[in-house]
N, C-alpha and C. Protein backbone atom coordinates (compact mmCIF):
# COMPACT_ATOMS: atom_id res chain seq x y z
N UNK A 1 -33.14 81.37 5.40
CA UNK A 1 -34.16 82.34 4.26
C UNK A 1 -33.11 83.49 3.49
N UNK A 2 -33.86 82.71 2.35
CA UNK A 2 -32.54 83.60 1.00
C UNK A 2 -33.12 85.34 0.94
N UNK A 3 -31.93 86.07 1.02
CA UNK A 3 -32.35 87.54 -0.09
C UNK A 3 -32.15 88.01 -0.44
N UNK A 4 -32.50 87.48 -1.99
CA UNK A 4 -31.74 87.49 -3.26
C UNK A 4 -31.04 89.65 -3.61
N UNK A 5 -32.14 90.29 -3.23
CA UNK A 5 -31.14 91.74 -3.31
C UNK A 5 -30.05 92.10 -2.98
N UNK A 6 -29.65 91.70 -1.46
CA UNK A 6 -28.40 91.48 -0.70
C UNK A 6 -27.79 91.13 -0.53
N UNK A 7 -28.16 89.72 -0.91
CA UNK A 7 -27.44 88.37 -0.88
C UNK A 7 -26.85 87.68 -0.28
N UNK A 8 -27.61 87.78 1.51
CA UNK A 8 -26.99 86.73 2.15
C UNK A 8 -28.20 85.97 2.93
N UNK A 9 -27.79 84.97 3.41
CA UNK A 9 -28.22 83.90 3.47
C UNK A 9 -28.69 83.94 5.42
N UNK A 10 -30.18 84.35 5.83
CA UNK A 10 -31.04 84.62 7.34
C UNK A 10 -30.99 83.59 8.02
N UNK A 11 -30.58 82.75 9.30
CA UNK A 11 -30.67 82.03 10.06
C UNK A 11 -31.71 82.39 11.30
N UNK A 12 -32.35 81.82 11.57
CA UNK A 12 -34.05 82.21 12.08
C UNK A 12 -33.80 81.42 13.45
N UNK A 13 -34.02 81.76 14.92
CA UNK A 13 -33.61 80.80 15.83
C UNK A 13 -35.37 80.20 15.93
N UNK A 14 -35.35 79.32 16.89
CA UNK A 14 -37.55 78.75 17.42
C UNK A 14 -38.09 80.25 17.57
N UNK A 15 -36.77 81.44 18.25
CA UNK A 15 -38.04 82.22 18.77
C UNK A 15 -37.85 83.82 17.92
N UNK A 16 -37.66 83.35 16.46
CA UNK A 16 -37.86 84.39 15.35
C UNK A 16 -36.16 84.98 14.91
N UNK A 17 -34.89 85.37 16.13
CA UNK A 17 -33.47 85.57 15.94
C UNK A 17 -33.60 85.76 14.80
N UNK A 18 -32.75 86.82 14.10
CA UNK A 18 -32.51 86.21 13.10
C UNK A 18 -30.84 86.83 12.77
N UNK A 19 -29.96 85.91 12.75
CA UNK A 19 -28.90 86.01 12.17
C UNK A 19 -28.10 85.82 10.71
N UNK A 20 -27.39 86.31 10.28
CA UNK A 20 -26.67 86.95 8.83
C UNK A 20 -25.48 84.64 9.01
N UNK A 21 -26.32 84.01 8.47
CA UNK A 21 -24.88 82.98 8.08
C UNK A 21 -24.41 82.47 7.04
N UNK A 22 -24.67 83.25 6.01
CA UNK A 22 -23.85 83.76 4.91
C UNK A 22 -23.95 85.03 4.47
N UNK A 23 -23.10 85.55 3.79
CA UNK A 23 -23.40 87.21 3.16
C UNK A 23 -21.92 86.76 1.20
N UNK A 24 -22.86 87.74 0.27
CA UNK A 24 -22.13 87.89 -0.60
C UNK A 24 -21.94 86.70 -1.76
N UNK A 25 -23.65 86.61 -1.74
CA UNK A 25 -24.08 85.81 -2.37
C UNK A 25 -25.39 86.44 -3.44
N UNK A 26 -24.33 86.09 -4.94
CA UNK A 26 -25.26 87.80 -5.48
C UNK A 26 -26.64 87.74 -5.71
N UNK A 27 -26.65 85.86 -6.84
CA UNK A 27 -28.11 85.23 -6.58
C UNK A 27 -28.51 84.56 -6.14
N UNK A 28 -29.00 84.72 -4.60
CA UNK A 28 -29.62 83.65 -3.99
C UNK A 28 -30.83 82.87 -4.13
N UNK A 29 -31.32 82.05 -4.03
CA UNK A 29 -32.28 81.32 -4.58
C UNK A 29 -33.07 80.27 -3.66
N UNK A 30 -33.07 79.58 -4.33
CA UNK A 30 -33.15 78.05 -3.30
C UNK A 30 -32.27 77.85 -1.98
N UNK A 31 -33.17 77.53 -1.79
CA UNK A 31 -32.32 75.90 -0.63
C UNK A 31 -32.70 75.40 -0.07
N UNK A 32 -31.12 74.12 0.61
CA UNK A 32 -31.86 73.02 0.74
C UNK A 32 -31.55 72.30 1.45
N UNK A 33 -31.12 71.89 2.10
CA UNK A 33 -30.31 70.83 3.43
C UNK A 33 -30.39 69.45 3.30
N UNK A 34 -29.23 68.52 3.52
CA UNK A 34 -28.69 67.62 3.51
C UNK A 34 -29.28 65.68 4.32
N UNK A 35 -29.25 65.61 4.27
CA UNK A 35 -29.17 65.74 5.74
C UNK A 35 -27.95 64.87 7.14
N UNK A 36 -26.82 65.48 6.42
CA UNK A 36 -26.14 65.78 7.12
C UNK A 36 -26.00 66.88 7.94
N UNK A 37 -26.70 67.66 7.57
CA UNK A 37 -27.30 69.66 7.86
C UNK A 37 -26.50 70.73 7.31
N UNK A 38 -25.88 69.84 5.83
CA UNK A 38 -24.78 70.87 5.46
C UNK A 38 -26.49 71.53 5.12
N UNK A 39 -26.22 73.22 3.55
CA UNK A 39 -26.86 73.36 3.13
C UNK A 39 -26.45 74.22 1.49
N UNK A 40 -27.35 73.79 1.52
CA UNK A 40 -27.51 74.17 -0.75
C UNK A 40 -27.81 75.36 -0.97
N UNK A 41 -27.14 75.51 -1.89
CA UNK A 41 -27.64 77.42 -2.31
C UNK A 41 -27.43 77.82 -3.44
N UNK A 42 -28.83 77.84 -3.96
CA UNK A 42 -28.92 77.85 -6.03
C UNK A 42 -28.36 79.24 -5.89
N UNK A 43 -27.19 79.94 -6.82
CA UNK A 43 -27.07 81.37 -7.17
C UNK A 43 -27.01 81.95 -8.36
N UNK A 44 -28.28 82.39 -8.84
CA UNK A 44 -28.98 82.64 -10.41
C UNK A 44 -28.12 83.06 -11.37
N UNK A 45 -27.39 84.72 -10.48
CA UNK A 45 -25.92 85.05 -11.18
C UNK A 45 -24.82 84.88 -11.80
N UNK A 46 -24.58 83.25 -11.12
CA UNK A 46 -23.50 82.56 -10.54
C UNK A 46 -23.35 81.38 -11.56
N UNK A 47 -24.87 80.97 -11.84
CA UNK A 47 -25.06 79.75 -12.21
C UNK A 47 -24.42 78.43 -11.59
N UNK A 48 -24.81 78.78 -10.25
CA UNK A 48 -23.57 77.87 -8.87
C UNK A 48 -24.62 76.99 -8.33
N UNK A 49 -24.25 76.27 -7.60
CA UNK A 49 -24.62 76.48 -6.44
C UNK A 49 -23.88 75.19 -5.23
N UNK A 50 -24.00 76.30 -3.91
CA UNK A 50 -22.69 76.59 -3.69
C UNK A 50 -23.73 75.15 -1.85
N UNK A 51 -22.38 74.88 -1.31
CA UNK A 51 -22.67 73.75 -0.64
C UNK A 51 -22.15 74.14 0.76
N UNK A 52 -23.31 74.61 2.04
CA UNK A 52 -21.80 74.41 3.52
C UNK A 52 -22.58 74.25 4.26
N UNK A 53 -21.07 74.21 4.91
CA UNK A 53 -21.07 72.91 6.69
C UNK A 53 -21.91 73.74 7.68
N UNK A 54 -22.19 73.40 8.06
CA UNK A 54 -22.71 74.55 9.56
C UNK A 54 -22.45 75.15 9.85
N UNK A 55 -21.07 75.56 10.56
CA UNK A 55 -20.44 75.99 10.21
C UNK A 55 -20.53 77.34 9.69
N UNK A 56 -20.53 77.63 8.47
CA UNK A 56 -20.74 78.52 7.43
C UNK A 56 -19.48 78.53 5.94
N UNK A 57 -18.64 77.37 6.13
CA UNK A 57 -17.75 77.65 4.80
C UNK A 57 -18.22 76.86 3.83
N UNK A 58 -18.23 77.82 2.88
CA UNK A 58 -18.21 77.95 1.15
C UNK A 58 -17.64 76.67 0.12
N UNK A 59 -18.19 76.44 -0.16
CA UNK A 59 -17.53 75.19 -1.88
C UNK A 59 -18.29 75.53 -2.45
N UNK A 60 -17.92 74.89 -3.58
CA UNK A 60 -19.10 75.18 -4.84
C UNK A 60 -18.95 73.64 -5.37
N UNK A 61 -21.23 73.15 -5.05
CA UNK A 61 -20.79 71.65 -5.55
C UNK A 61 -21.38 71.77 -7.26
N UNK A 62 -21.75 72.45 -7.65
CA UNK A 62 -21.58 72.68 -8.47
C UNK A 62 -22.20 73.81 -9.76
N UNK A 63 -21.90 73.51 -11.43
CA UNK A 63 -21.16 74.91 -12.10
C UNK A 63 -21.87 75.03 -13.08
N UNK A 64 -22.19 75.86 -13.61
CA UNK A 64 -22.58 75.89 -16.08
C UNK A 64 -24.00 75.70 -16.10
N UNK A 65 -24.51 76.34 -14.62
CA UNK A 65 -26.11 76.04 -14.85
C UNK A 65 -26.62 77.70 -15.56
N UNK A 66 -27.67 78.01 -15.66
CA UNK A 66 -28.15 78.84 -16.41
C UNK A 66 -28.59 79.47 -15.54
N UNK A 67 -29.79 78.91 -14.55
CA UNK A 67 -30.20 79.73 -14.21
C UNK A 67 -30.99 78.96 -12.58
N UNK A 68 -29.93 78.60 -11.98
CA UNK A 68 -30.57 77.59 -10.47
C UNK A 68 -31.23 78.85 -9.56
N UNK A 69 -32.50 78.31 -9.79
CA UNK A 69 -33.41 78.08 -8.61
C UNK A 69 -33.95 76.99 -7.59
N UNK A 70 -34.54 76.89 -7.43
CA UNK A 70 -35.32 75.53 -6.51
C UNK A 70 -34.19 74.62 -6.56
N UNK A 71 -33.99 73.94 -5.20
CA UNK A 71 -33.91 72.05 -4.97
C UNK A 71 -34.65 71.67 -3.87
N UNK A 72 -33.92 70.40 -3.71
CA UNK A 72 -35.00 69.85 -3.68
C UNK A 72 -34.25 68.22 -3.24
N UNK A 73 -33.52 67.74 -1.95
CA UNK A 73 -33.51 66.53 -1.78
C UNK A 73 -34.68 66.02 -1.78
N UNK A 74 -33.92 64.11 -2.40
CA UNK A 74 -34.19 63.31 -2.48
C UNK A 74 -34.63 62.44 -1.17
N UNK A 75 -34.92 61.24 -1.48
CA UNK A 75 -34.52 60.33 0.40
C UNK A 75 -33.64 59.68 0.57
N UNK A 76 -32.70 59.64 -0.84
CA UNK A 76 -31.58 58.97 -0.82
C UNK A 76 -30.24 60.12 -0.62
N UNK A 77 -30.74 61.54 -1.06
CA UNK A 77 -29.31 61.75 -1.11
C UNK A 77 -29.50 62.65 -2.24
N UNK A 78 -29.98 62.63 -3.15
CA UNK A 78 -29.46 63.64 -4.30
C UNK A 78 -30.32 64.46 -4.58
N UNK A 79 -29.64 65.42 -5.01
CA UNK A 79 -29.81 66.97 -5.08
C UNK A 79 -30.91 66.87 -6.17
N UNK A 80 -31.78 67.28 -6.43
CA UNK A 80 -32.49 68.09 -7.42
C UNK A 80 -32.74 69.72 -7.88
N UNK A 81 -32.45 70.03 -8.71
CA UNK A 81 -32.39 71.55 -8.60
C UNK A 81 -32.90 71.74 -10.50
N UNK A 82 -33.73 73.21 -9.84
CA UNK A 82 -34.45 72.95 -11.27
C UNK A 82 -33.94 74.77 -12.10
N UNK A 83 -34.24 74.63 -13.34
CA UNK A 83 -32.80 75.40 -14.15
C UNK A 83 -34.02 76.25 -15.24
N UNK A 84 -34.40 77.98 -14.07
CA UNK A 84 -34.92 77.98 -15.12
C UNK A 84 -34.93 78.70 -16.73
N UNK A 85 -33.30 78.93 -16.49
CA UNK A 85 -33.25 78.81 -18.60
C UNK A 85 -33.42 78.24 -19.95
N UNK A 86 -32.73 77.21 -18.81
CA UNK A 86 -32.92 76.34 -19.99
C UNK A 86 -34.28 74.76 -20.27
N UNK A 87 -35.69 74.88 -19.31
CA UNK A 87 -36.67 74.25 -19.03
C UNK A 87 -35.71 73.11 -17.99
N UNK A 88 -34.77 72.71 -17.52
CA UNK A 88 -34.26 71.24 -16.97
C UNK A 88 -34.56 71.14 -15.24
N UNK A 89 -34.07 70.26 -14.86
CA UNK A 89 -34.22 69.43 -13.58
C UNK A 89 -33.47 68.65 -13.69
N UNK A 90 -32.35 68.87 -13.16
CA UNK A 90 -30.91 68.05 -13.28
C UNK A 90 -31.55 67.09 -11.43
N UNK A 91 -30.21 66.54 -11.95
CA UNK A 91 -30.20 65.35 -10.58
C UNK A 91 -29.08 65.21 -10.28
N UNK A 92 -28.32 65.84 -9.11
CA UNK A 92 -26.65 65.22 -8.73
C UNK A 92 -26.95 64.15 -7.50
N UNK A 93 -25.57 62.83 -7.10
CA UNK A 93 -25.63 62.55 -6.87
C UNK A 93 -25.38 63.42 -5.75
N UNK A 94 -24.89 62.47 -4.21
CA UNK A 94 -24.01 63.49 -3.78
C UNK A 94 -22.70 63.52 -3.68
N UNK A 95 -22.37 62.99 -4.85
CA UNK A 95 -20.80 63.38 -5.18
C UNK A 95 -20.46 63.76 -6.18
N UNK A 96 -21.79 64.53 -6.62
CA UNK A 96 -21.90 65.76 -7.82
C UNK A 96 -21.81 65.60 -8.79
N UNK A 97 -21.97 64.44 -9.69
CA UNK A 97 -22.35 64.39 -10.77
C UNK A 97 -23.93 64.01 -11.77
N UNK A 98 -23.61 65.03 -12.59
CA UNK A 98 -25.00 65.54 -13.18
C UNK A 98 -25.53 65.11 -14.04
N UNK A 99 -27.15 64.78 -14.06
CA UNK A 99 -27.83 64.12 -14.97
C UNK A 99 -28.73 65.37 -15.34
N UNK A 100 -29.14 65.10 -16.73
CA UNK A 100 -30.98 65.12 -16.44
C UNK A 100 -32.29 64.89 -16.39
N UNK A 101 -32.59 64.76 -15.24
CA UNK A 101 -33.66 64.34 -14.63
C UNK A 101 -35.08 64.67 -15.39
N UNK A 102 -35.30 65.34 -15.81
CA UNK A 102 -36.24 66.30 -16.30
C UNK A 102 -35.60 67.43 -17.88
N UNK A 103 -36.80 67.35 -18.71
CA UNK A 103 -36.21 68.16 -19.80
C UNK A 103 -37.84 69.01 -20.37
N UNK A 104 -37.42 70.69 -20.62
CA UNK A 104 -38.99 70.91 -22.21
C UNK A 104 -40.04 71.66 -20.21
N UNK A 105 -39.59 71.83 -20.03
CA UNK A 105 -40.70 72.75 -18.70
C UNK A 105 -40.29 74.21 -19.50
N UNK A 106 -41.01 75.38 -19.53
CA UNK A 106 -41.20 76.04 -19.87
C UNK A 106 -41.22 77.15 -17.84
N UNK A 107 -40.10 76.99 -17.54
CA UNK A 107 -40.08 78.59 -16.39
C UNK A 107 -40.05 77.40 -15.09
N UNK A 108 -39.47 76.40 -15.41
CA UNK A 108 -39.27 75.76 -13.98
C UNK A 108 -38.21 76.71 -12.75
N UNK A 109 -39.00 76.52 -11.18
CA UNK A 109 -39.32 77.06 -10.97
C UNK A 109 -38.65 76.33 -9.01
N UNK A 110 -40.44 75.96 -8.28
CA UNK A 110 -40.48 75.31 -7.65
C UNK A 110 -40.00 74.18 -7.57
N UNK A 111 -40.04 72.90 -6.79
CA UNK A 111 -39.92 72.31 -6.66
C UNK A 111 -39.78 71.81 -5.19
N UNK A 112 -40.78 70.04 -5.17
CA UNK A 112 -40.51 69.50 -3.62
C UNK A 112 -40.94 67.94 -3.60
N UNK A 113 -40.08 67.36 -3.04
CA UNK A 113 -40.38 65.67 -2.68
C UNK A 113 -42.32 65.30 -2.15
N UNK A 114 -42.81 64.78 -2.15
CA UNK A 114 -43.47 64.01 -1.53
C UNK A 114 -43.29 62.81 -0.31
N UNK A 115 -44.18 62.50 -0.34
CA UNK A 115 -44.14 61.56 0.98
C UNK A 115 -43.50 59.73 -0.27
N UNK A 116 -43.21 59.53 -1.09
CA UNK A 116 -44.03 58.38 -2.32
C UNK A 116 -42.19 59.08 -2.26
N UNK A 117 -41.79 59.97 -3.04
CA UNK A 117 -40.05 59.74 -4.16
C UNK A 117 -41.22 60.54 -4.92
N UNK A 118 -41.58 60.97 -4.75
CA UNK A 118 -42.86 61.85 -6.46
C UNK A 118 -41.79 63.02 -6.65
N UNK A 119 -41.45 63.59 -7.22
CA UNK A 119 -40.74 64.98 -7.47
C UNK A 119 -42.01 65.93 -8.04
N UNK A 120 -42.73 66.87 -7.36
CA UNK A 120 -42.83 68.15 -8.84
C UNK A 120 -42.30 69.90 -8.38
N UNK A 121 -42.75 69.74 -9.38
CA UNK A 121 -42.01 70.61 -10.71
C UNK A 121 -43.52 71.79 -10.94
N UNK A 122 -42.88 73.72 -9.80
CA UNK A 122 -43.77 74.94 -11.36
C UNK A 122 -43.41 75.01 -12.73
N UNK A 123 -43.59 75.29 -13.31
CA UNK A 123 -43.95 75.81 -14.47
C UNK A 123 -44.15 76.87 -14.50
N UNK A 124 -43.17 77.74 -14.69
CA UNK A 124 -44.02 78.78 -14.26
C UNK A 124 -45.03 80.19 -15.28
N UNK A 125 -44.00 80.39 -16.69
CA UNK A 125 -45.45 80.61 -17.37
C UNK A 125 -46.30 79.39 -18.18
N UNK A 126 -46.65 78.22 -17.99
CA UNK A 126 -47.27 77.70 -18.55
C UNK A 126 -48.80 77.95 -17.53
N UNK A 127 -48.19 77.86 -15.79
CA UNK A 127 -49.18 77.89 -15.02
C UNK A 127 -49.95 76.26 -14.72
N UNK A 128 -48.28 75.85 -14.12
CA UNK A 128 -48.69 74.02 -14.63
C UNK A 128 -47.78 73.67 -12.83
N UNK A 129 -48.64 73.03 -12.07
CA UNK A 129 -47.23 71.70 -11.70
C UNK A 129 -47.34 70.18 -11.92
N UNK A 130 -46.53 70.57 -12.63
CA UNK A 130 -46.18 68.61 -12.54
C UNK A 130 -45.81 67.52 -11.53
N UNK A 131 -45.92 67.19 -12.26
CA UNK A 131 -45.79 66.01 -11.11
C UNK A 131 -44.87 64.57 -11.87
N UNK A 132 -43.96 63.64 -11.25
CA UNK A 132 -42.57 62.81 -11.69
C UNK A 132 -42.78 61.68 -10.44
N UNK A 133 -43.04 61.04 -11.30
CA UNK A 133 -42.50 59.57 -10.29
C UNK A 133 -41.29 59.97 -9.70
N UNK A 134 -40.35 58.60 -9.47
CA UNK A 134 -39.43 58.17 -9.40
C UNK A 134 -38.26 58.01 -10.68
N UNK A 135 -39.29 57.33 -10.69
CA UNK A 135 -38.96 56.85 -13.04
C UNK A 135 -38.84 57.81 -14.03
N UNK A 136 -39.01 58.58 -13.51
CA UNK A 136 -39.03 60.74 -14.56
C UNK A 136 -40.42 60.08 -15.02
N UNK A 137 -41.43 59.64 -15.30
CA UNK A 137 -42.40 60.04 -15.74
C UNK A 137 -44.00 60.84 -15.65
N UNK A 138 -44.03 61.89 -16.44
CA UNK A 138 -44.09 63.00 -16.16
C UNK A 138 -45.94 63.31 -16.21
N UNK A 139 -46.49 63.96 -15.27
CA UNK A 139 -48.36 64.06 -15.35
C UNK A 139 -48.33 65.45 -15.19
N UNK A 140 -49.36 66.11 -15.58
CA UNK A 140 -49.98 67.31 -14.88
C UNK A 140 -50.46 67.39 -13.15
N UNK A 141 -50.57 67.06 -12.49
CA UNK A 141 -50.72 67.52 -11.11
C UNK A 141 -52.17 68.36 -11.02
N UNK A 142 -51.21 69.96 -11.62
CA UNK A 142 -52.78 70.74 -11.76
C UNK A 142 -52.10 72.34 -12.23
N UNK A 143 -53.82 72.59 -12.78
CA UNK A 143 -53.02 73.57 -13.79
C UNK A 143 -53.81 75.37 -12.92
N UNK A 144 -53.51 75.61 -12.00
CA UNK A 144 -54.04 76.38 -11.34
C UNK A 144 -53.92 77.75 -12.54
N UNK A 145 -53.25 77.69 -13.41
CA UNK A 145 -53.35 79.00 -13.33
C UNK A 145 -52.13 80.06 -13.36
N UNK A 146 -52.11 82.05 -13.96
CA UNK A 146 -51.16 82.36 -12.88
C UNK A 146 -50.40 82.04 -12.89
N UNK A 147 -48.37 82.33 -12.51
CA UNK A 147 -46.91 82.15 -12.16
C UNK A 147 -47.00 80.97 -10.13
N UNK A 148 -47.13 79.85 -10.49
CA UNK A 148 -47.14 79.25 -9.72
C UNK A 148 -45.66 79.61 -9.55
N UNK A 149 -45.25 79.79 -7.94
CA UNK A 149 -43.76 79.73 -7.68
C UNK A 149 -43.01 78.51 -7.23
N UNK A 150 -43.53 78.52 -5.68
CA UNK A 150 -43.36 77.14 -4.69
C UNK A 150 -43.45 76.54 -4.43
N UNK A 151 -43.07 76.40 -3.72
CA UNK A 151 -44.00 74.52 -3.49
C UNK A 151 -42.99 73.95 -2.24
N UNK A 152 -43.73 73.39 -1.15
CA UNK A 152 -43.88 72.43 0.30
C UNK A 152 -45.02 71.70 0.33
N UNK A 153 -44.76 70.76 1.26
CA UNK A 153 -45.38 69.78 1.56
C UNK A 153 -45.25 70.07 3.06
N UNK A 154 -46.27 69.22 3.76
CA UNK A 154 -46.49 69.72 4.91
C UNK A 154 -46.14 68.02 5.55
N UNK A 155 -45.92 67.61 7.72
CA UNK A 155 -46.01 66.76 7.10
C UNK A 155 -46.95 65.92 7.49
N UNK A 156 -48.14 66.16 7.09
CA UNK A 156 -49.72 65.77 6.51
C UNK A 156 -49.33 64.95 4.79
N UNK A 157 -48.35 65.54 4.09
CA UNK A 157 -48.52 65.63 3.09
C UNK A 157 -49.44 66.51 1.78
N UNK A 158 -49.83 67.33 2.48
CA UNK A 158 -50.87 68.15 1.66
C UNK A 158 -49.72 69.18 0.89
N UNK A 159 -49.86 69.61 0.01
CA UNK A 159 -49.31 70.41 -0.76
C UNK A 159 -49.19 72.03 -0.93
N UNK A 160 -48.70 72.94 -0.93
CA UNK A 160 -48.77 74.06 -1.22
C UNK A 160 -47.64 75.07 -1.80
N UNK A 161 -48.83 75.54 -2.64
CA UNK A 161 -48.01 76.45 -3.95
C UNK A 161 -47.98 78.01 -3.41
N UNK A 162 -47.12 78.66 -3.83
CA UNK A 162 -47.68 80.09 -3.58
C UNK A 162 -47.21 80.36 -5.41
N UNK A 163 -47.83 81.52 -5.52
CA UNK A 163 -48.38 82.33 -7.05
C UNK A 163 -48.25 83.51 -7.16
N UNK A 164 -47.20 83.65 -7.52
CA UNK A 164 -46.79 84.99 -8.29
C UNK A 164 -47.33 86.16 -8.03
N UNK A 165 -48.33 86.02 -8.93
CA UNK A 165 -49.17 86.61 -9.42
C UNK A 165 -49.88 87.62 -8.90
N UNK A 166 -50.55 85.94 -8.15
CA UNK A 166 -51.58 86.89 -6.69
C UNK A 166 -51.62 87.15 -5.96
N UNK A 167 -49.98 87.10 -5.11
CA UNK A 167 -49.27 86.37 -3.75
C UNK A 167 -50.39 85.89 -2.93
N UNK A 168 -51.41 84.74 -3.65
CA UNK A 168 -51.99 84.08 -2.79
C UNK A 168 -51.14 82.40 -2.17
N UNK A 169 -51.59 82.13 -1.23
CA UNK A 169 -50.98 80.58 -0.94
C UNK A 169 -51.88 79.45 -1.39
N UNK A 170 -51.57 78.45 -1.73
CA UNK A 170 -52.97 77.83 -2.12
C UNK A 170 -52.54 76.57 -1.58
N UNK A 171 -53.27 74.92 -1.42
CA UNK A 171 -52.85 73.47 -1.35
C UNK A 171 -54.15 73.39 -1.46
N UNK A 172 -53.06 72.36 -1.98
CA UNK A 172 -54.13 70.94 -2.36
C UNK A 172 -53.96 69.41 -2.23
């Protein structure tokens, strides 16, 4: 769990026991694991994405971003990052080569992949959830209104969205 205010990343056991995995990240937001068990964390204040080994060693994976928030891996190991300030979603290869996957969004925050490889992204001020095909074609998936923030898929393929303005969680 990312604790933005205290700059910590917490680890929870299946029984709910909390410990501090990492500290000193000034604006920690999005978290995502790669297939090797490394944790990636978006630091919105520093404009960086950090990579943590399972043992907790930290390195900078990417820098020079505006306000990175949501992170998600595709099935081939590429990391996608929503950059709130500039409206872009970046794609990073495992070697950290960056390209722009999508642009023109108004405050993207949450991103998640479905089992078919489509990327879903919230646009905070637009009150929309966009769907991007693996090739990058964009369509409006839902217009829930409010301020959609976080996205997650369950194992059955249902999409869940958290809304900042209402405090609700919606299922699609």
